[in-house]
Every structure is written in structure tokens, then in C-alpha cells.
Protein backbone atom coordinates (compact mmCIF):
# COMPACT_ATOMS: atom_id res chain seq x y z
CA MET A 1 78.96 35.79 56.59
CA ASP A 2 82.56 35.76 55.31
CA THR A 3 83.95 32.40 54.27
CA PRO A 4 86.91 31.43 56.51
CA GLY A 5 90.14 31.66 54.55
CA ALA A 6 88.57 33.54 51.62
CA GLY A 7 90.66 36.64 52.23
CA LEU A 8 93.82 34.60 52.55
CA GLY A 9 93.03 32.75 49.34
CA TYR A 10 92.53 36.04 47.47
CA LEU A 11 95.85 37.35 48.80
CA ARG A 12 97.65 34.23 47.65
CA GLU A 13 96.14 34.49 44.18
CA TYR A 14 97.07 38.16 43.99
CA ASN A 15 100.67 37.57 45.00
CA ASP A 16 101.00 34.57 42.69
CA ALA A 17 99.73 36.69 39.79
CA LEU A 18 102.09 39.49 40.77
CA VAL A 19 105.10 37.19 40.55
CA VAL A 20 103.95 35.59 37.29
CA GLY A 21 103.43 39.05 35.80
CA LEU A 22 107.02 39.92 36.67
CA ALA A 23 108.35 36.55 35.49
CA ARG A 24 106.76 37.09 32.07
CA THR A 25 109.20 39.97 31.45
CA THR A 26 112.26 38.66 33.30
CA PRO A 27 114.22 35.75 31.79
CA GLN A 28 115.61 34.60 35.15
CA PHE A 29 114.98 35.65 38.72
CA ASP A 30 115.62 34.63 42.30
CA ARG A 31 113.86 35.18 45.60
CA ALA A 32 115.72 38.38 46.44
CA SER A 33 115.05 40.05 43.08
CA ILE A 34 111.34 39.20 43.28
CA ALA A 35 111.12 40.58 46.83
CA GLU A 36 112.86 43.79 45.80
CA ALA A 37 110.69 44.30 42.70
CA THR A 38 107.31 43.46 44.27
CA GLY A 39 107.64 44.58 47.88
CA LEU A 40 106.77 41.11 49.14
CA THR A 41 108.67 39.78 52.13
CA PRO A 42 111.30 37.08 51.40
CA GLN A 43 109.14 34.58 53.36
CA ALA A 44 106.08 35.41 51.24
CA VAL A 45 108.13 35.12 48.05
CA SER A 46 109.36 31.68 49.12
CA LYS A 47 105.77 30.50 49.52
CA VAL A 48 104.77 31.96 46.16
CA LEU A 49 107.72 30.34 44.39
CA ALA A 50 106.88 26.99 45.95
CA ARG A 51 103.25 27.24 44.81
CA LEU A 52 104.17 28.31 41.27
CA THR A 53 106.77 25.56 40.99
CA GLY A 54 104.23 23.02 42.18
CA ASP A 55 101.76 24.28 39.57
CA GLY A 56 104.41 24.01 36.85
CA LEU A 57 104.37 27.72 35.95
CA ILE A 58 108.02 28.22 36.88
CA GLU A 59 111.00 25.90 37.27
CA PRO A 60 114.50 26.03 38.78
CA ALA A 61 117.21 27.10 36.32
CA GLY A 62 120.41 26.82 38.36
CA VAL A 63 121.92 28.81 41.19
CA ARG A 64 123.46 32.24 41.65
CA ARG A 65 126.12 33.14 44.19
CA ARG A 66 125.96 36.50 45.94
CA GLY A 67 129.14 36.58 47.98
CA VAL A 68 129.46 34.19 50.90
CA GLY A 69 126.63 32.03 52.10
CA LYS A 70 124.17 29.68 50.49
CA PRO A 71 123.74 30.23 46.72
CA ALA A 72 120.34 31.46 45.57
CA THR A 73 118.14 29.29 43.38
CA ILE A 74 117.37 30.88 40.01
CA TYR A 75 113.95 30.37 38.45
CA ARG A 76 112.44 30.88 35.00
CA ILE A 77 108.93 30.80 33.66
CA VAL A 78 107.68 27.74 31.77
CA PRO A 79 106.01 29.10 28.61
CA SER A 80 104.25 25.81 27.82
CA SER A 81 102.64 25.62 31.27
CA ARG A 82 99.60 27.66 30.20
CA TYR A 83 97.98 28.73 26.93
CA ALA A 84 95.32 31.14 25.70
CA ILE A 85 93.24 31.22 22.54
CA GLY A 86 92.63 34.51 20.76
CA VAL A 87 89.98 35.15 18.12
CA HIS A 88 89.77 37.97 15.59
CA VAL A 89 86.20 38.36 14.36
CA ALA A 90 86.24 40.19 11.03
CA ARG A 91 83.25 40.69 8.79
CA THR A 92 84.09 37.83 6.43
CA ARG A 93 86.12 35.36 8.50
CA VAL A 94 87.56 34.46 11.90
CA ARG A 95 91.24 34.07 12.70
CA LEU A 96 92.33 32.08 15.77
CA VAL A 97 95.74 31.84 17.41
CA LEU A 98 97.09 29.82 20.31
CA THR A 99 99.65 31.61 22.50
CA ASP A 100 101.80 30.33 25.32
CA LEU A 101 102.22 31.98 28.71
CA LEU A 102 104.67 34.50 27.24
CA GLY A 103 102.16 35.55 24.60
CA THR A 104 104.08 33.91 21.76
CA VAL A 105 101.88 32.69 18.91
CA VAL A 106 102.48 28.95 18.56
CA ALA A 107 99.67 27.99 16.16
CA GLY A 108 96.95 29.54 14.03
CA ALA A 109 93.78 28.59 12.18
CA GLY A 110 90.93 30.34 10.42
CA ALA A 111 87.49 29.88 8.93
CA PRO A 112 85.21 31.87 6.61
CA LEU A 113 82.02 33.50 7.87
CA PRO A 114 78.74 33.74 5.96
CA ALA A 115 77.69 37.15 4.73
CA ASP A 116 75.87 39.06 7.49
CA PHE A 117 76.52 36.19 9.91
CA THR A 118 74.46 35.52 13.03
CA PRO A 119 75.78 34.82 16.55
CA ASP A 120 75.20 31.08 16.07
CA GLU A 121 77.05 31.11 12.77
CA LEU A 122 79.96 32.94 14.37
CA LEU A 123 80.26 30.45 17.22
CA ASP A 124 79.98 27.52 14.79
CA ALA A 125 82.96 28.93 12.90
CA VAL A 126 84.94 29.62 16.09
CA ASP A 127 84.28 26.11 17.42
CA GLY A 128 85.37 24.50 14.16
CA ALA A 129 88.50 26.63 13.90
CA ARG A 130 89.33 25.89 17.54
CA ALA A 131 89.23 22.15 16.81
CA GLU A 132 91.56 22.66 13.85
CA LEU A 133 93.87 24.84 15.95
CA LEU A 134 94.22 22.15 18.61
CA ARG A 135 94.77 19.49 15.96
CA ARG A 136 97.69 21.51 14.67
CA ARG A 137 99.09 22.10 18.15
CA PRO A 138 97.75 19.53 20.62
CA VAL A 139 97.82 20.79 24.21
CA ASP A 140 96.28 19.64 27.47
CA LYS A 141 92.93 21.46 27.60
CA ALA A 142 93.40 21.95 31.34
CA ARG A 143 96.28 24.29 30.48
CA ILE A 144 94.11 26.61 28.36
CA LEU A 145 93.19 29.62 30.50
CA GLY A 146 90.42 30.89 28.27
CA LEU A 147 89.47 32.41 24.96
CA GLY A 148 89.61 36.08 23.98
CA LEU A 149 87.25 37.50 21.37
CA GLY A 150 88.30 40.62 19.48
CA MET A 151 84.97 41.69 18.01
CA VAL A 152 83.62 44.36 15.69
CA GLY A 153 82.07 47.23 17.65
CA PRO A 154 80.28 49.08 19.06
CA LEU A 155 80.24 46.84 22.13
CA ASP A 156 79.88 46.97 25.88
CA HIS A 157 83.08 45.40 27.20
CA ALA A 158 82.07 45.70 30.85
CA ASN A 159 78.91 43.60 30.38
CA GLY A 160 80.08 41.40 27.51
CA ILE A 161 77.41 42.68 25.11
CA VAL A 162 77.73 43.53 21.43
CA ARG A 163 75.47 46.55 21.10
CA ASP A 164 75.16 47.22 17.37
CA ALA A 165 78.06 45.92 15.27
CA HIS A 166 78.36 48.15 12.22
CA ARG A 167 77.31 46.52 8.92
CA LEU A 168 75.94 43.42 10.70
CA ARG A 169 72.16 43.19 11.10
CA HIS A 170 71.92 40.43 13.73
CA TRP A 171 73.97 42.03 16.49
CA HIS A 172 71.69 44.28 18.51
CA ASP A 173 72.37 43.84 22.26
CA VAL A 174 73.78 40.31 21.91
CA ALA A 175 75.25 38.93 25.17
CA LEU A 176 78.13 37.36 23.27
CA ARG A 177 80.41 36.69 26.23
CA GLU A 178 77.77 34.69 28.09
CA ILE A 179 76.65 32.82 24.97
CA ALA A 180 80.23 32.00 23.98
CA GLU A 181 81.17 30.73 27.45
CA ARG A 182 78.19 28.42 27.45
CA ARG A 183 78.81 27.18 23.92
CA LEU A 184 82.62 26.82 24.06
CA ALA A 185 82.95 25.73 27.71
CA LEU A 186 85.77 28.20 28.31
CA ALA A 187 86.19 31.46 30.17
CA VAL A 188 85.69 34.17 27.52
CA HIS A 189 87.08 37.71 27.42
CA LEU A 190 85.23 39.99 24.99
CA ASP A 191 86.66 43.27 23.77
CA LYS A 192 86.74 45.50 20.74
CA ASP A 193 89.06 44.24 18.02
CA VAL A 194 91.17 47.41 18.09
CA THR A 195 91.53 47.35 21.89
CA ALA A 196 92.73 43.76 21.69
CA GLY A 197 95.18 44.78 18.98
CA VAL A 198 96.70 47.66 20.91
CA THR A 199 97.08 45.33 23.92
CA ALA A 200 99.22 43.03 21.77
CA GLU A 201 101.39 45.95 20.70
CA ALA A 202 101.82 47.20 24.27
CA TRP A 203 102.77 43.72 25.48
CA ARG A 204 105.48 43.35 22.84
CA ARG A 205 106.87 46.88 22.96
CA GLY A 206 107.15 47.12 26.73
CA ARG A 207 107.29 50.22 28.88
CA GLU A 208 108.22 52.59 26.06
CA PHE A 209 104.69 52.10 24.71
CA ARG A 210 103.03 54.06 27.48
CA ASP A 211 100.85 56.21 25.20
CA GLY A 212 100.02 54.83 21.78
CA VAL A 213 97.28 54.04 19.31
CA LEU A 214 96.63 51.18 16.90
CA ILE A 215 94.87 52.28 13.72
CA MET A 216 93.09 49.42 12.00
CA VAL A 217 91.82 49.57 8.42
CA GLU A 218 89.87 46.42 7.61
CA SER A 219 86.26 46.65 6.41
CA GLY A 220 86.07 49.80 8.47
CA ILE A 221 88.40 52.02 10.46
CA GLY A 222 88.98 51.90 14.22
CA ALA A 223 91.53 52.99 16.81
CA GLY A 224 92.71 51.08 19.86
CA LEU A 225 93.89 53.49 22.56
CA TRP A 226 96.64 52.78 25.08
CA LEU A 227 96.88 55.75 27.44
CA GLY A 228 98.93 56.09 30.59
CA GLY A 229 100.14 52.49 30.34
CA ALA A 230 96.71 50.83 30.04
CA ALA A 231 93.94 50.21 27.53
CA TYR A 232 91.50 53.11 27.41
CA ARG A 233 87.88 52.06 26.80
CA GLY A 234 85.93 55.11 27.89
CA ALA A 235 82.93 55.65 30.15
CA HIS A 236 80.79 53.13 28.26
CA THR A 237 83.74 50.93 27.10
CA ASN A 238 83.07 52.02 23.51
CA ALA A 239 86.12 54.21 22.84
CA GLY A 240 87.84 53.73 19.51
CA GLU A 241 85.12 54.53 16.94
CA PHE A 242 87.75 56.56 15.11
CA GLY A 243 86.29 55.96 11.64
CA HIS A 244 83.07 57.63 12.69
CA THR A 245 84.53 61.06 13.26
CA VAL A 246 83.28 63.65 10.77
CA VAL A 247 85.89 65.16 8.45
CA GLN A 248 83.53 66.61 5.78
CA PHE A 249 80.50 68.59 6.84
CA GLY A 250 77.52 67.56 4.70
CA GLY A 251 79.40 64.62 3.23
CA PRO A 252 77.99 61.22 2.23
CA ARG A 253 75.93 59.18 4.69
CA CYS A 254 77.93 56.67 6.75
CA VAL A 255 76.73 53.29 8.07
CA CYS A 256 76.72 54.82 11.56
CA GLY A 257 74.03 57.30 10.48
CA ARG A 258 76.19 60.44 10.40
CA ASP A 259 77.33 62.33 7.32
CA GLY A 260 80.91 62.83 6.16
CA CYS A 261 82.66 60.33 8.44
CA LEU A 262 86.29 59.44 7.82
CA GLU A 263 85.31 55.81 7.16
CA VAL A 264 82.78 56.47 4.39
CA LEU A 265 85.06 58.97 2.62
CA HIS A 266 88.00 56.58 2.87
CA ASP A 267 85.99 53.63 1.58
CA ARG A 268 84.61 55.61 -1.35
CA ALA A 269 88.12 56.61 -2.36
CA VAL A 270 89.22 52.96 -2.26
CA ALA A 271 86.16 51.89 -4.29
CA ALA A 272 87.06 54.52 -6.90
CA GLY A 273 90.58 53.08 -7.13
CA ASP A 274 92.20 56.12 -5.50
CA VAL A 275 94.19 54.47 -2.72
CA PRO A 276 96.53 57.49 -2.32
CA LEU A 277 93.51 59.68 -1.55
CA ALA A 278 92.21 57.07 0.92
CA ALA A 279 95.60 57.00 2.65
CA ARG A 280 95.73 60.79 2.70
CA LEU A 281 92.31 60.91 4.36
CA LEU A 282 93.53 58.46 6.98
CA GLY A 283 96.54 60.70 7.59
CA VAL A 284 94.23 63.66 8.24
CA GLY A 285 92.27 61.59 10.72
CA VAL A 286 95.43 60.43 12.49
CA VAL A 287 96.66 64.01 12.92
CA ASN A 288 93.26 64.95 14.39
CA LEU A 289 93.61 62.07 16.82
CA LEU A 290 97.14 63.09 17.76
CA GLN A 291 95.98 66.63 18.44
CA THR A 292 93.42 65.19 20.86
CA THR A 293 95.46 62.49 22.62
CA ASP A 294 99.14 63.49 22.22
CA VAL A 295 100.29 59.86 21.96
CA GLY A 296 103.85 58.98 21.01
CA HIS A 297 103.21 55.88 18.89
CA VAL A 298 100.94 55.20 15.92
CA VAL A 299 100.78 51.56 14.83
CA LEU A 300 99.09 50.74 11.52
CA ALA A 301 97.30 47.43 11.00
CA GLY A 302 94.46 45.70 9.14
CA ALA A 303 94.20 43.60 5.98
CA ASP A 304 92.98 46.48 3.79
CA LEU A 305 95.87 48.68 4.89
CA LEU A 306 98.49 45.95 4.54
CA ARG A 307 97.54 45.42 0.89
CA HIS A 308 98.88 48.93 0.23
CA ARG A 309 101.34 49.15 3.10
CA GLU A 310 103.84 51.60 1.60
CA VAL A 311 101.16 54.02 0.40
CA TYR A 312 99.52 54.20 3.84
CA VAL A 313 102.76 54.42 5.80
CA ASP A 314 104.08 57.20 3.59
CA ALA A 315 100.81 59.16 3.77
CA VAL A 316 100.41 58.88 7.54
CA ALA A 317 104.08 59.56 8.28
CA SER A 318 104.00 62.59 5.97
CA ALA A 319 100.86 63.95 7.62
CA VAL A 320 102.40 63.52 11.07
CA ARG A 321 105.62 65.15 9.96
CA HIS A 322 104.08 68.16 8.21
CA GLU A 323 100.71 68.75 9.89
CA VAL A 324 101.39 68.23 13.59
CA PRO A 325 102.43 71.64 14.95
CA ARG A 326 105.96 71.57 16.36
CA ALA A 327 106.61 68.04 15.10
CA ASP A 328 110.20 68.54 16.29
CA TRP A 329 108.83 68.57 19.84
CA LEU A 330 105.62 66.51 19.51
CA THR A 331 107.47 63.53 18.08
CA VAL A 332 105.48 60.47 16.98
CA ASP A 333 106.74 57.05 15.92
CA VAL A 334 104.74 55.64 12.98
CA SER A 335 105.08 51.91 12.31
CA VAL A 336 103.26 48.84 11.05
CA SER A 337 102.39 46.01 13.43
CA ALA A 338 104.98 43.24 13.27
CA LEU A 339 102.19 40.76 14.01
CA GLY A 340 100.57 41.36 10.63
CA GLY A 341 97.19 39.68 10.31
CA ASP A 342 97.50 38.09 13.76
CA VAL A 343 97.57 41.32 15.78
CA ILE A 344 93.91 41.24 16.89
CA ALA A 345 93.80 37.52 17.70
CA ALA A 346 97.16 37.68 19.50
CA GLY A 347 95.94 40.67 21.49
CA ALA A 348 92.73 38.88 22.46
CA ALA A 349 94.82 35.97 23.77
CA THR A 350 97.11 38.38 25.63
CA GLN A 351 94.07 39.85 27.36
CA VAL A 352 93.21 36.38 28.66
CA LEU A 353 96.73 36.05 30.07
CA ASN A 354 96.50 39.49 31.64
CA ALA A 355 93.11 38.66 33.17
CA ALA A 356 94.58 35.54 34.79
CA TYR A 357 97.94 36.88 35.93
CA GLY A 358 97.80 40.64 35.60
CA PRO A 359 99.64 42.71 33.01
CA PRO A 360 103.41 42.21 32.84
CA SER A 361 104.31 45.13 35.07
CA LEU A 362 105.66 45.67 38.55
CA GLY A 363 103.60 46.48 41.60
CA GLY A 364 103.43 45.95 45.33
CA GLY A 365 102.15 42.87 47.07
CA ALA A 366 101.67 41.98 50.69
CA GLY A 367 101.18 39.31 53.23
CA GLN A 368 101.10 35.58 52.57
């Protein structure tokens, strides 16, 4: 049997999220502009604005006159009304950030991880770093929407399971999302590190970043895909294993079990001290990816890459410029993430915000 009022409650939550999603990209707005942008009736918008004001998510910011008649109340979002925690799980440490409702990083903390860490050791480190994070920036815990985990793959995003994290022995079919929610007493969003990272880039770059990729070089190589204005995860939510594409037939054995992968060739070049060769190999891989996806943006990230930023940027940009057929037509913007070492953690926090209020984009609403 349906619960009385359940449908109405869902509709209210949907419309509230719709308006918050718009407010996150609009400095100031009034009832008429929200109705025009969302398709909600003015009466429905009035109810939404009253609820959001009561919840402290938005606040009045003056009035606006539109000809004769009663002036319209202007509203703005309250960034400090809600927060999210994002976690970047690397192979040697965790990095945590706290973001406000606009996705702005307001505090950060980190902790080392033991070699070949276990799930319990990871959550011990996350819990300790979370306590330090909230000491640095005290906030009402009731305002924290949840915690996002950007984790080493392969993983099953849909079911919250880490399947077999490369180079980590203790991560075969680990239900990390469920374990973390129980341990941390927060709603947890689990995703691949690179998918979290590309979400952060899309959020900050806006609508121009409709088709892009984040290439991460940090104890491995991965690619976060943003296609058609949304994160692309694939049929099994495991898209992005970019480093495990073969570029040398019969090459050295990779940790994934295949021979001649981009990642193993790149890492061997770095170990031999030949960073230019490693960067050149990455450029070859990026051009292969561009030939497959035809994205317009390539964002470079990762601690290993940032240590040799100019070498990698020059190599990738040169490969794009000289090896993509008709580069005058198939134009690609190559850049480095402005978020630096925080890109994965910030993206994981942004995913929590998007899960609560929808991505910051326009859409239609209805009803109450």
C-alpha cells in the first residue's frame, strides 16, 4: 500500500533540489527568474522559497523593482548552510577536504596510510583525519550532508563495492560504502578517484565542460570521463582504466595481468629517470583516447604528474597538436587542474552535494 503523502513529499524534495541546484550557479534570483528557469509555477516557487528559507539554505538579499507594482524579493544561497566531506584515497595516504554548499574548499587535512593497507586501516585513517578536519574548521555536524570517497579502482560504483584495487592485496569485493557508513555514521558516496576528480572540474568550469577527461598520474594512471554533460561510468561503472590500455604488443607484464599497458611502460620510464619518455608515452595514450571519445578538454592531475608539470603539459599538448588528425578542426584544450592535490577530494565532496541537491544545471519541475 502507498503511504499517504509520500508522492507529495517526493515532489517537494525534487523541486527543492531543483531550485538549490539553480541557486548554486546564480548569485541572486527572485521568484520570477526561478519560475522561468525551472518551469515551476510561481505559486510552487513561492512554497519552495519559503521552505528553503526556513531551512536556512537561502536568505533574502534585498528587493528588485520590475516596473510598477510590488518589488520582488531577491534571494541568495547561504554557502555555510550545508557542508560535505570529500576523501581522496591514494596508495600511501588519504586527503580530506571540507566544502561548503557552493563546493568551495574551506578546510583540509590528511593522514598517512600503511603499506598495503586494509579496509580497517583505511577507515581508521579517515576517521582520524576527519576529527582533525573538524577541529580546524568546526561546523555543526547536522549541517554535514555526507562523505564522498574517491577510491582506487576497479570498483563497482552502483553497489558500493571495491572489486580489486590495483596494487592492494586486501581489496577483493569489499563493500566499502556500507562499511564506511556504519563506521563513520554518515551517508557515504563511493566512486572512482578519477570520476570524482572530473566531477570537480565540471562543477568549476560550467557548461563549456560538456565533454572532457581528467587524466590522473599518481601511483598509476586513470581517466575520469565527462561525456554529454555527465560523468560516464560505463555498463559496470568501471570506466576509466585508461592506464591499462595496451600500447606495446608483447611488452612488460602490468599489475592488471596484461602485457604492454601504458601504465607499466610509463612507470618503467619514470623509474629509469626518463621523465620526458614517460610524458611522451602519456601523450600517445591521450591521443588514442581523443580518437575514441572526441572530447574537447583534457585536464591533467595527480601528484606524480605535478612534480614534473611542465614536461607533461608540453608533451601532451604537443601530441594533441601534432598527432590528432585535423587538429585545426578537432580542437582540444589541455590544462592542469587548478585544484592541485585537492581535485579528487573536492570532487568526492561535490558528488555528495550533487546527490543531495542535483547537479547545478537547469531542468523542469512540477506541482507543489
